[in-house]
Amino acid sequence: MSRPEDTFDLQTVQDFFDHVYHDRGMVKWQGFYLSDHTSALKKQHVQTAQTYPEKPQQTLAVIGACLQQAYLTNQRVSLQLNERDQDDRLLPDLTGHVTGYYDTDIVLDGRQFIALNRIRHVTLGR
C-alpha cells in the first residue's frame, strides 16, 4: 500500500530539473583528486623543480669581510642562505647591493634585512 507522500508526479520532477536545479558540470569534480594523481603531481614537481648547488660554508669572518668589501666598493653580492624548502633543496641565491648594517643583520638593496648567521656563502660581483 503506497502512501500519498511516496508518489511523485513526473511533471513536478521535470519542472524541478528544468527550472530549479542547476548542474555545475565539472566544477563539482575539481576538488577531488585520486591518490595516484596526487602522487604523480608530487613526482612531477620534484622532477621539474630547480636545484641549486650547495656552495661551501664560509666562516663568519670571511662572510663579514666579503660583505664589508661589497658595502665599501658598492659591489653586487650573491648570497646563498642556510635555508631549504620543504623538499630539502637549497633556496635560490639572493642578489643585490649591501646598503647597510643593523646590529647582526645586513640590509640588501635598502629593503631586506638578512641575519649574518643565515648566510652560507657570499660571492662578490654578481
N, C-alpha and C. Protein backbone atom coordinates (compact mmCIF):
# COMPACT_ATOMS: atom_id res chain seq x y z
N MET A 1 0.84 -1.17 0.00
CA MET A 1 0.00 0.00 0.00
C MET A 1 0.89 1.24 0.00
N SER A 2 0.70 2.12 -0.90
CA SER A 2 1.53 3.31 -1.02
C SER A 2 0.89 4.48 -0.29
N ARG A 3 1.76 5.29 0.26
CA ARG A 3 1.30 6.49 0.95
C ARG A 3 1.30 7.64 -0.04
N PRO A 4 0.53 8.68 0.20
CA PRO A 4 0.48 9.80 -0.73
C PRO A 4 1.83 10.49 -0.88
N GLU A 5 2.65 10.55 0.19
CA GLU A 5 3.94 11.22 0.08
C GLU A 5 4.97 10.38 -0.69
N ASP A 6 4.69 9.05 -0.91
CA ASP A 6 5.59 8.20 -1.67
C ASP A 6 5.39 8.35 -3.17
N THR A 7 4.29 8.87 -3.59
CA THR A 7 4.03 9.03 -5.02
C THR A 7 4.59 10.37 -5.46
N PHE A 8 5.00 10.44 -6.69
CA PHE A 8 5.50 11.70 -7.22
C PHE A 8 4.97 11.89 -8.63
N ASP A 9 4.93 13.11 -8.99
CA ASP A 9 4.43 13.49 -10.30
C ASP A 9 5.63 13.70 -11.22
N LEU A 10 5.68 13.03 -12.35
CA LEU A 10 6.79 13.19 -13.30
C LEU A 10 6.90 14.62 -13.79
N GLN A 11 5.80 15.30 -13.91
CA GLN A 11 5.82 16.70 -14.34
C GLN A 11 6.52 17.57 -13.30
N THR A 12 6.29 17.29 -12.00
CA THR A 12 6.95 18.04 -10.93
C THR A 12 8.46 17.78 -10.96
N VAL A 13 8.83 16.55 -11.16
CA VAL A 13 10.26 16.20 -11.26
C VAL A 13 10.89 16.91 -12.45
N GLN A 14 10.25 16.88 -13.59
CA GLN A 14 10.78 17.52 -14.79
C GLN A 14 10.88 19.03 -14.59
N ASP A 15 9.88 19.63 -13.94
CA ASP A 15 9.89 21.06 -13.66
C ASP A 15 11.06 21.42 -12.75
N PHE A 16 11.33 20.57 -11.75
CA PHE A 16 12.46 20.80 -10.86
C PHE A 16 13.78 20.84 -11.64
N PHE A 17 14.02 19.86 -12.51
CA PHE A 17 15.28 19.81 -13.26
C PHE A 17 15.35 20.89 -14.32
N ASP A 18 14.21 21.32 -14.86
CA ASP A 18 14.22 22.35 -15.89
C ASP A 18 14.41 23.75 -15.32
N HIS A 19 13.85 24.03 -14.12
CA HIS A 19 13.80 25.41 -13.65
C HIS A 19 14.49 25.66 -12.31
N VAL A 20 14.71 24.65 -11.49
CA VAL A 20 15.25 24.87 -10.16
C VAL A 20 16.70 24.38 -10.05
N TYR A 21 16.95 23.14 -10.45
CA TYR A 21 18.27 22.52 -10.28
C TYR A 21 19.24 23.07 -11.32
N HIS A 22 20.43 23.45 -10.85
CA HIS A 22 21.48 23.92 -11.75
C HIS A 22 22.69 22.99 -11.61
N ASP A 23 22.97 22.23 -12.64
CA ASP A 23 24.12 21.31 -12.63
C ASP A 23 25.39 22.12 -12.87
N ARG A 24 26.36 21.99 -11.97
CA ARG A 24 27.60 22.76 -12.09
C ARG A 24 28.61 22.07 -13.00
N GLY A 25 28.27 20.98 -13.59
CA GLY A 25 29.16 20.30 -14.53
C GLY A 25 30.43 19.82 -13.87
N MET A 26 31.58 20.08 -14.50
CA MET A 26 32.86 19.61 -14.00
C MET A 26 33.33 20.36 -12.75
N VAL A 27 32.73 21.50 -12.46
CA VAL A 27 33.14 22.26 -11.29
C VAL A 27 33.02 21.42 -10.02
N LYS A 28 32.01 20.62 -9.95
CA LYS A 28 31.81 19.82 -8.74
C LYS A 28 32.87 18.75 -8.56
N TRP A 29 33.63 18.42 -9.59
CA TRP A 29 34.66 17.39 -9.50
C TRP A 29 36.06 17.98 -9.30
N GLN A 30 36.20 19.28 -9.38
CA GLN A 30 37.54 19.87 -9.31
C GLN A 30 38.22 19.67 -7.97
N GLY A 31 37.48 19.48 -6.91
CA GLY A 31 38.10 19.30 -5.61
C GLY A 31 38.53 17.88 -5.33
N PHE A 32 38.24 16.95 -6.22
CA PHE A 32 38.55 15.55 -5.99
C PHE A 32 39.77 15.14 -6.81
N TYR A 33 40.79 14.68 -6.12
CA TYR A 33 41.98 14.15 -6.77
C TYR A 33 42.17 12.71 -6.32
N LEU A 34 42.50 11.88 -7.23
CA LEU A 34 42.79 10.50 -6.88
C LEU A 34 44.20 10.43 -6.30
N SER A 35 44.44 9.44 -5.46
CA SER A 35 45.75 9.35 -4.82
C SER A 35 46.87 9.16 -5.84
N ASP A 36 46.60 8.42 -6.91
CA ASP A 36 47.65 8.24 -7.92
C ASP A 36 47.89 9.55 -8.67
N HIS A 37 46.88 10.39 -8.78
CA HIS A 37 47.05 11.68 -9.42
C HIS A 37 47.90 12.61 -8.56
N THR A 38 47.64 12.65 -7.25
CA THR A 38 48.44 13.49 -6.37
C THR A 38 49.88 13.02 -6.29
N SER A 39 50.10 11.71 -6.29
CA SER A 39 51.48 11.21 -6.25
C SER A 39 52.20 11.53 -7.56
N ALA A 40 51.49 11.49 -8.68
CA ALA A 40 52.09 11.85 -9.96
C ALA A 40 52.43 13.34 -10.00
N LEU A 41 51.57 14.18 -9.41
CA LEU A 41 51.85 15.61 -9.35
C LEU A 41 53.08 15.89 -8.49
N LYS A 42 53.21 15.20 -7.36
CA LYS A 42 54.38 15.38 -6.50
C LYS A 42 55.65 14.95 -7.21
N LYS A 43 55.57 13.82 -7.92
CA LYS A 43 56.74 13.33 -8.65
C LYS A 43 57.14 14.31 -9.74
N GLN A 44 56.16 14.87 -10.44
CA GLN A 44 56.44 15.85 -11.48
C GLN A 44 57.07 17.10 -10.88
N HIS A 45 56.58 17.53 -9.72
CA HIS A 45 57.13 18.71 -9.06
C HIS A 45 58.60 18.49 -8.70
N VAL A 46 58.92 17.32 -8.19
CA VAL A 46 60.30 17.02 -7.82
C VAL A 46 61.19 17.00 -9.05
N GLN A 47 60.69 16.46 -10.16
CA GLN A 47 61.49 16.37 -11.38
C GLN A 47 61.73 17.73 -12.01
N THR A 48 60.73 18.61 -11.95
CA THR A 48 60.85 19.90 -12.62
C THR A 48 61.39 21.00 -11.72
N ALA A 49 61.51 20.74 -10.44
CA ALA A 49 61.97 21.77 -9.51
C ALA A 49 63.43 22.10 -9.77
N GLN A 50 63.74 23.38 -9.67
CA GLN A 50 65.11 23.85 -9.86
C GLN A 50 65.94 23.46 -8.65
N THR A 51 67.10 22.92 -8.89
CA THR A 51 68.02 22.63 -7.79
C THR A 51 69.22 23.55 -7.90
N TYR A 52 69.72 23.95 -6.76
CA TYR A 52 70.85 24.86 -6.71
C TYR A 52 72.01 24.15 -6.02
N PRO A 53 73.20 24.26 -6.58
CA PRO A 53 74.34 23.54 -5.99
C PRO A 53 74.68 24.12 -4.61
N GLU A 54 75.11 23.25 -3.74
CA GLU A 54 75.49 23.65 -2.39
C GLU A 54 76.90 24.21 -2.42
N LYS A 55 77.03 25.46 -2.07
CA LYS A 55 78.34 26.11 -2.02
C LYS A 55 78.96 25.85 -0.65
N PRO A 56 80.27 25.93 -0.55
CA PRO A 56 80.91 25.64 0.74
C PRO A 56 80.52 26.66 1.80
N GLN A 57 80.39 26.17 3.03
CA GLN A 57 80.06 27.04 4.17
C GLN A 57 81.27 27.91 4.48
N GLN A 58 81.08 29.22 4.44
CA GLN A 58 82.14 30.15 4.78
C GLN A 58 82.06 30.48 6.27
N THR A 59 83.20 30.86 6.82
CA THR A 59 83.21 31.26 8.23
C THR A 59 82.56 32.64 8.35
N LEU A 60 82.15 32.97 9.55
CA LEU A 60 81.54 34.26 9.79
C LEU A 60 82.52 35.40 9.49
N ALA A 61 83.81 35.16 9.72
CA ALA A 61 84.83 36.18 9.43
C ALA A 61 84.94 36.43 7.93
N VAL A 62 84.93 35.38 7.13
CA VAL A 62 85.00 35.51 5.68
C VAL A 62 83.74 36.20 5.15
N ILE A 63 82.59 35.78 5.65
CA ILE A 63 81.32 36.38 5.23
C ILE A 63 81.34 37.87 5.55
N GLY A 64 81.76 38.23 6.77
CA GLY A 64 81.82 39.64 7.17
C GLY A 64 82.77 40.45 6.32
N ALA A 65 83.94 39.88 6.00
CA ALA A 65 84.92 40.59 5.17
C ALA A 65 84.38 40.83 3.76
N CYS A 66 83.75 39.81 3.18
CA CYS A 66 83.19 39.95 1.83
C CYS A 66 82.07 41.00 1.80
N LEU A 67 81.21 40.96 2.81
CA LEU A 67 80.11 41.92 2.86
C LEU A 67 80.62 43.34 3.09
N GLN A 68 81.67 43.48 3.91
CA GLN A 68 82.24 44.80 4.14
C GLN A 68 82.86 45.35 2.85
N GLN A 69 83.58 44.50 2.11
CA GLN A 69 84.17 44.93 0.85
C GLN A 69 83.08 45.33 -0.15
N ALA A 70 82.02 44.54 -0.21
CA ALA A 70 80.92 44.85 -1.13
C ALA A 70 80.26 46.17 -0.75
N TYR A 71 80.12 46.42 0.55
CA TYR A 71 79.50 47.66 1.01
C TYR A 71 80.37 48.87 0.67
N LEU A 72 81.67 48.75 0.93
CA LEU A 72 82.58 49.88 0.70
C LEU A 72 82.79 50.19 -0.78
N THR A 73 82.76 49.16 -1.62
CA THR A 73 83.01 49.36 -3.06
C THR A 73 81.73 49.33 -3.89
N ASN A 74 80.58 49.25 -3.23
CA ASN A 74 79.27 49.21 -3.89
C ASN A 74 79.18 48.09 -4.94
N GLN A 75 79.73 46.94 -4.59
CA GLN A 75 79.67 45.77 -5.48
C GLN A 75 78.38 44.99 -5.21
N ARG A 76 77.93 44.35 -6.22
CA ARG A 76 76.77 43.47 -6.11
C ARG A 76 77.22 42.16 -5.46
N VAL A 77 76.37 41.56 -4.63
CA VAL A 77 76.68 40.29 -3.98
C VAL A 77 75.61 39.26 -4.31
N SER A 78 76.01 38.02 -4.21
CA SER A 78 75.10 36.89 -4.32
C SER A 78 75.23 36.10 -3.04
N LEU A 79 74.11 35.90 -2.33
CA LEU A 79 74.13 35.23 -1.04
C LEU A 79 73.38 33.91 -1.11
N GLN A 80 74.05 32.85 -0.69
CA GLN A 80 73.35 31.58 -0.51
C GLN A 80 73.08 31.43 0.98
N LEU A 81 71.80 31.22 1.31
CA LEU A 81 71.40 31.11 2.71
C LEU A 81 71.44 29.65 3.16
N ASN A 82 71.52 29.47 4.46
CA ASN A 82 71.47 28.13 5.07
C ASN A 82 70.02 27.71 5.27
N GLU A 83 69.20 27.87 4.28
CA GLU A 83 67.79 27.54 4.38
C GLU A 83 67.39 26.65 3.22
N ARG A 84 66.45 25.76 3.51
CA ARG A 84 65.99 24.81 2.49
C ARG A 84 64.47 24.86 2.41
N ASP A 85 63.95 24.40 1.28
CA ASP A 85 62.49 24.35 1.11
C ASP A 85 61.95 23.05 1.72
N GLN A 86 60.66 22.81 1.55
CA GLN A 86 60.02 21.63 2.16
C GLN A 86 60.54 20.32 1.57
N ASP A 87 61.18 20.37 0.40
CA ASP A 87 61.75 19.16 -0.21
C ASP A 87 63.24 19.04 0.06
N ASP A 88 63.75 19.82 1.03
CA ASP A 88 65.15 19.80 1.45
C ASP A 88 66.11 20.25 0.35
N ARG A 89 65.65 21.17 -0.50
CA ARG A 89 66.53 21.76 -1.53
C ARG A 89 66.89 23.17 -1.12
N LEU A 90 68.11 23.59 -1.46
CA LEU A 90 68.54 24.95 -1.15
C LEU A 90 67.70 25.95 -1.94
N LEU A 91 67.49 27.09 -1.33
CA LEU A 91 66.74 28.16 -1.98
C LEU A 91 67.64 28.89 -2.97
N PRO A 92 67.06 29.61 -3.92
CA PRO A 92 67.90 30.36 -4.87
C PRO A 92 68.67 31.47 -4.15
N ASP A 93 69.79 31.85 -4.73
CA ASP A 93 70.62 32.90 -4.14
C ASP A 93 69.88 34.24 -4.14
N LEU A 94 70.17 35.03 -3.13
CA LEU A 94 69.68 36.41 -3.09
C LEU A 94 70.78 37.29 -3.66
N THR A 95 70.42 38.21 -4.51
CA THR A 95 71.41 39.10 -5.11
C THR A 95 71.00 40.54 -4.89
N GLY A 96 72.00 41.40 -4.80
CA GLY A 96 71.74 42.82 -4.63
C GLY A 96 72.96 43.52 -4.08
N HIS A 97 72.75 44.75 -3.64
CA HIS A 97 73.82 45.56 -3.06
C HIS A 97 73.61 45.66 -1.56
N VAL A 98 74.70 45.57 -0.84
CA VAL A 98 74.64 45.76 0.61
C VAL A 98 74.56 47.26 0.84
N THR A 99 73.42 47.70 1.36
CA THR A 99 73.21 49.14 1.55
C THR A 99 73.32 49.56 3.01
N GLY A 100 73.63 48.62 3.90
CA GLY A 100 73.82 49.00 5.28
C GLY A 100 73.90 47.80 6.20
N TYR A 101 74.20 48.12 7.47
CA TYR A 101 74.28 47.11 8.52
C TYR A 101 73.35 47.54 9.64
N TYR A 102 72.79 46.59 10.33
CA TYR A 102 71.99 46.89 11.50
C TYR A 102 72.19 45.76 12.50
N ASP A 103 72.90 46.04 13.58
CA ASP A 103 73.17 45.05 14.61
C ASP A 103 73.85 43.82 13.99
N THR A 104 73.21 42.65 13.96
CA THR A 104 73.80 41.45 13.36
C THR A 104 73.15 41.12 12.03
N ASP A 105 72.54 42.12 11.39
CA ASP A 105 71.89 41.94 10.09
C ASP A 105 72.57 42.84 9.06
N ILE A 106 72.44 42.44 7.81
CA ILE A 106 72.81 43.34 6.72
C ILE A 106 71.52 43.78 6.05
N VAL A 107 71.60 44.88 5.34
CA VAL A 107 70.44 45.38 4.59
C VAL A 107 70.79 45.21 3.12
N LEU A 108 69.96 44.46 2.41
CA LEU A 108 70.18 44.20 0.99
C LEU A 108 69.23 45.06 0.18
N ASP A 109 69.78 45.87 -0.70
CA ASP A 109 69.02 46.77 -1.57
C ASP A 109 68.08 47.71 -0.80
N GLY A 110 68.45 48.04 0.42
CA GLY A 110 67.69 49.01 1.18
C GLY A 110 66.34 48.54 1.70
N ARG A 111 66.02 47.27 1.54
CA ARG A 111 64.68 46.84 1.94
C ARG A 111 64.63 45.47 2.61
N GLN A 112 65.68 44.69 2.52
CA GLN A 112 65.63 43.33 3.05
C GLN A 112 66.71 43.13 4.10
N PHE A 113 66.28 42.83 5.33
CA PHE A 113 67.21 42.55 6.42
C PHE A 113 67.52 41.06 6.42
N ILE A 114 68.82 40.73 6.47
CA ILE A 114 69.25 39.33 6.48
C ILE A 114 70.23 39.15 7.63
N ALA A 115 69.92 38.22 8.50
CA ALA A 115 70.81 37.93 9.63
C ALA A 115 72.08 37.26 9.12
N LEU A 116 73.21 37.67 9.68
CA LEU A 116 74.50 37.12 9.24
C LEU A 116 74.58 35.61 9.46
N ASN A 117 73.95 35.10 10.51
CA ASN A 117 74.05 33.66 10.78
C ASN A 117 73.18 32.83 9.83
N ARG A 118 72.38 33.47 8.99
CA ARG A 118 71.60 32.75 7.97
C ARG A 118 72.39 32.55 6.67
N ILE A 119 73.51 33.27 6.52
CA ILE A 119 74.26 33.25 5.27
C ILE A 119 75.24 32.10 5.25
N ARG A 120 75.21 31.34 4.16
CA ARG A 120 76.10 30.20 3.96
C ARG A 120 77.33 30.61 3.17
N HIS A 121 77.12 31.39 2.11
CA HIS A 121 78.20 31.70 1.18
C HIS A 121 77.93 33.07 0.52
N VAL A 122 79.00 33.86 0.38
CA VAL A 122 78.90 35.16 -0.28
C VAL A 122 79.79 35.14 -1.51
N THR A 123 79.25 35.58 -2.63
CA THR A 123 80.03 35.73 -3.85
C THR A 123 79.93 37.19 -4.27
N LEU A 124 81.07 37.82 -4.55
CA LEU A 124 81.09 39.22 -4.95
C LEU A 124 80.94 39.37 -6.46
N GLY A 125 80.33 40.48 -6.85
CA GLY A 125 80.30 40.87 -8.25
C GLY A 125 79.30 40.16 -9.14
N ARG A 126 78.19 39.69 -8.62
CA ARG A 126 77.19 39.05 -9.48
C ARG A 126 75.95 39.86 -9.55
